[in-house]
Amino acid sequence: MTWIVQNLWLVPALPVFAAAISALLGRRNRILAAALAIGSLAVSFLLSLCAFAHVLANHGADQVLTFNFRWFQFGNEWLQLGWMLDR
């Protein structure tokens, strides 16, 4: 399992975290909030490009890369969350 597949959750999470921090900063720190928003989107874009490059490098393999983790237990069964990287 490659690093990008395990950390694919960062692509949508970074802008959400930046929005939450920007909401807490207030109006006085608009420049910092804007820099945080643009920076988080840029990092998310770079991570997306890394995932895309990983898919292009493995174009011959007809597989779907998945990463699942246990999140919540119902009796003896676990609810698993995860993500997929597919071409």
Protein backbone atom coordinates (compact mmCIF):
# COMPACT_ATOMS: atom_id res chain seq x y z
CA MET A 1 0.00 0.00 0.00
CA THR A 2 1.45 3.31 -1.01
CA TRP A 3 1.47 6.48 1.03
CA ILE A 4 -0.95 8.32 -1.26
CA VAL A 5 -3.60 5.58 -1.03
CA GLN A 6 -3.49 5.55 2.77
CA ASN A 7 -3.65 9.35 3.02
CA LEU A 8 -6.15 10.07 0.28
CA TRP A 9 -8.52 11.38 2.94
CA LEU A 10 -6.38 14.52 3.16
CA VAL A 11 -7.63 15.75 -0.23
CA PRO A 12 -11.11 16.75 1.00
CA ALA A 13 -10.14 17.16 4.67
CA LEU A 14 -7.56 19.93 4.26
CA PRO A 15 -9.99 22.52 2.82
CA VAL A 16 -12.59 21.59 5.46
CA PHE A 17 -10.08 22.13 8.26
CA ALA A 18 -8.96 25.40 6.69
CA ALA A 19 -12.57 26.59 6.49
CA ALA A 20 -13.12 25.73 10.15
CA ILE A 21 -10.00 27.61 11.21
CA SER A 22 -10.92 30.57 9.00
CA ALA A 23 -14.36 30.73 10.61
CA LEU A 24 -12.73 30.95 14.02
CA LEU A 25 -10.25 33.66 13.01
CA GLY A 26 -12.79 36.42 12.53
CA ARG A 27 -12.82 39.45 10.24
CA ARG A 28 -9.57 40.97 11.46
CA ASN A 29 -7.45 38.16 10.07
CA ARG A 30 -8.87 38.06 6.55
CA ILE A 31 -5.46 37.88 4.91
CA LEU A 32 -4.44 34.92 7.06
CA ALA A 33 -7.77 33.21 6.38
CA ALA A 34 -7.37 33.74 2.63
CA ALA A 35 -3.80 32.44 2.69
CA LEU A 36 -4.91 29.40 4.66
CA ALA A 37 -7.74 28.67 2.23
CA ILE A 38 -5.57 29.06 -0.86
CA GLY A 39 -2.73 27.05 0.71
CA SER A 40 -4.99 24.17 1.70
CA LEU A 41 -6.49 24.04 -1.79
CA ALA A 42 -3.01 24.05 -3.32
CA VAL A 43 -1.86 21.18 -1.10
CA SER A 44 -5.04 19.25 -1.88
CA PHE A 45 -4.43 19.78 -5.57
CA LEU A 46 -0.85 18.51 -5.26
CA LEU A 47 -2.04 15.43 -3.39
CA SER A 48 -4.62 14.83 -6.13
CA LEU A 49 -1.86 15.08 -8.72
CA CYS A 50 0.21 12.53 -6.79
CA ALA A 51 -2.77 10.15 -6.75
CA PHE A 52 -3.30 10.72 -10.47
CA ALA A 53 0.39 10.05 -11.17
CA HIS A 54 0.15 6.84 -9.13
CA VAL A 55 -2.81 5.70 -11.23
CA LEU A 56 -0.99 6.57 -14.46
CA ALA A 57 2.13 4.69 -13.36
CA ASN A 58 0.07 1.55 -12.76
CA HIS A 59 -2.01 1.77 -15.94
CA GLY A 60 -1.41 -1.88 -16.86
CA ALA A 61 -2.74 -3.20 -13.58
CA ASP A 62 -6.50 -3.61 -13.62
CA GLN A 63 -6.99 -3.23 -9.89
CA VAL A 64 -8.77 -0.94 -7.51
CA LEU A 65 -6.68 0.25 -4.58
CA THR A 66 -8.71 0.45 -1.38
CA PHE A 67 -7.98 1.42 2.18
CA ASN A 68 -10.53 0.51 4.85
CA PHE A 69 -10.49 1.00 8.59
CA ARG A 70 -12.80 0.01 11.41
CA TRP A 71 -14.86 2.91 12.61
CA PHE A 72 -17.79 1.74 14.75
CA GLN A 73 -18.86 -1.59 16.20
CA PHE A 74 -22.43 -2.94 16.19
CA GLY A 75 -22.42 -6.04 18.39
CA ASN A 76 -19.98 -8.39 16.69
CA GLU A 77 -19.90 -6.51 13.39
CA TRP A 78 -17.77 -3.49 12.51
CA LEU A 79 -18.73 -0.58 10.33
CA GLN A 80 -15.79 0.07 8.08
CA LEU A 81 -15.01 3.31 6.30
CA GLY A 82 -12.50 3.78 3.57
CA TRP A 83 -11.72 5.09 0.13
CA MET A 84 -10.83 3.77 -3.28
CA LEU A 85 -8.32 4.84 -5.89
CA ASP A 86 -9.49 3.60 -9.25
CA ARG A 87 -8.52 4.54 -12.75
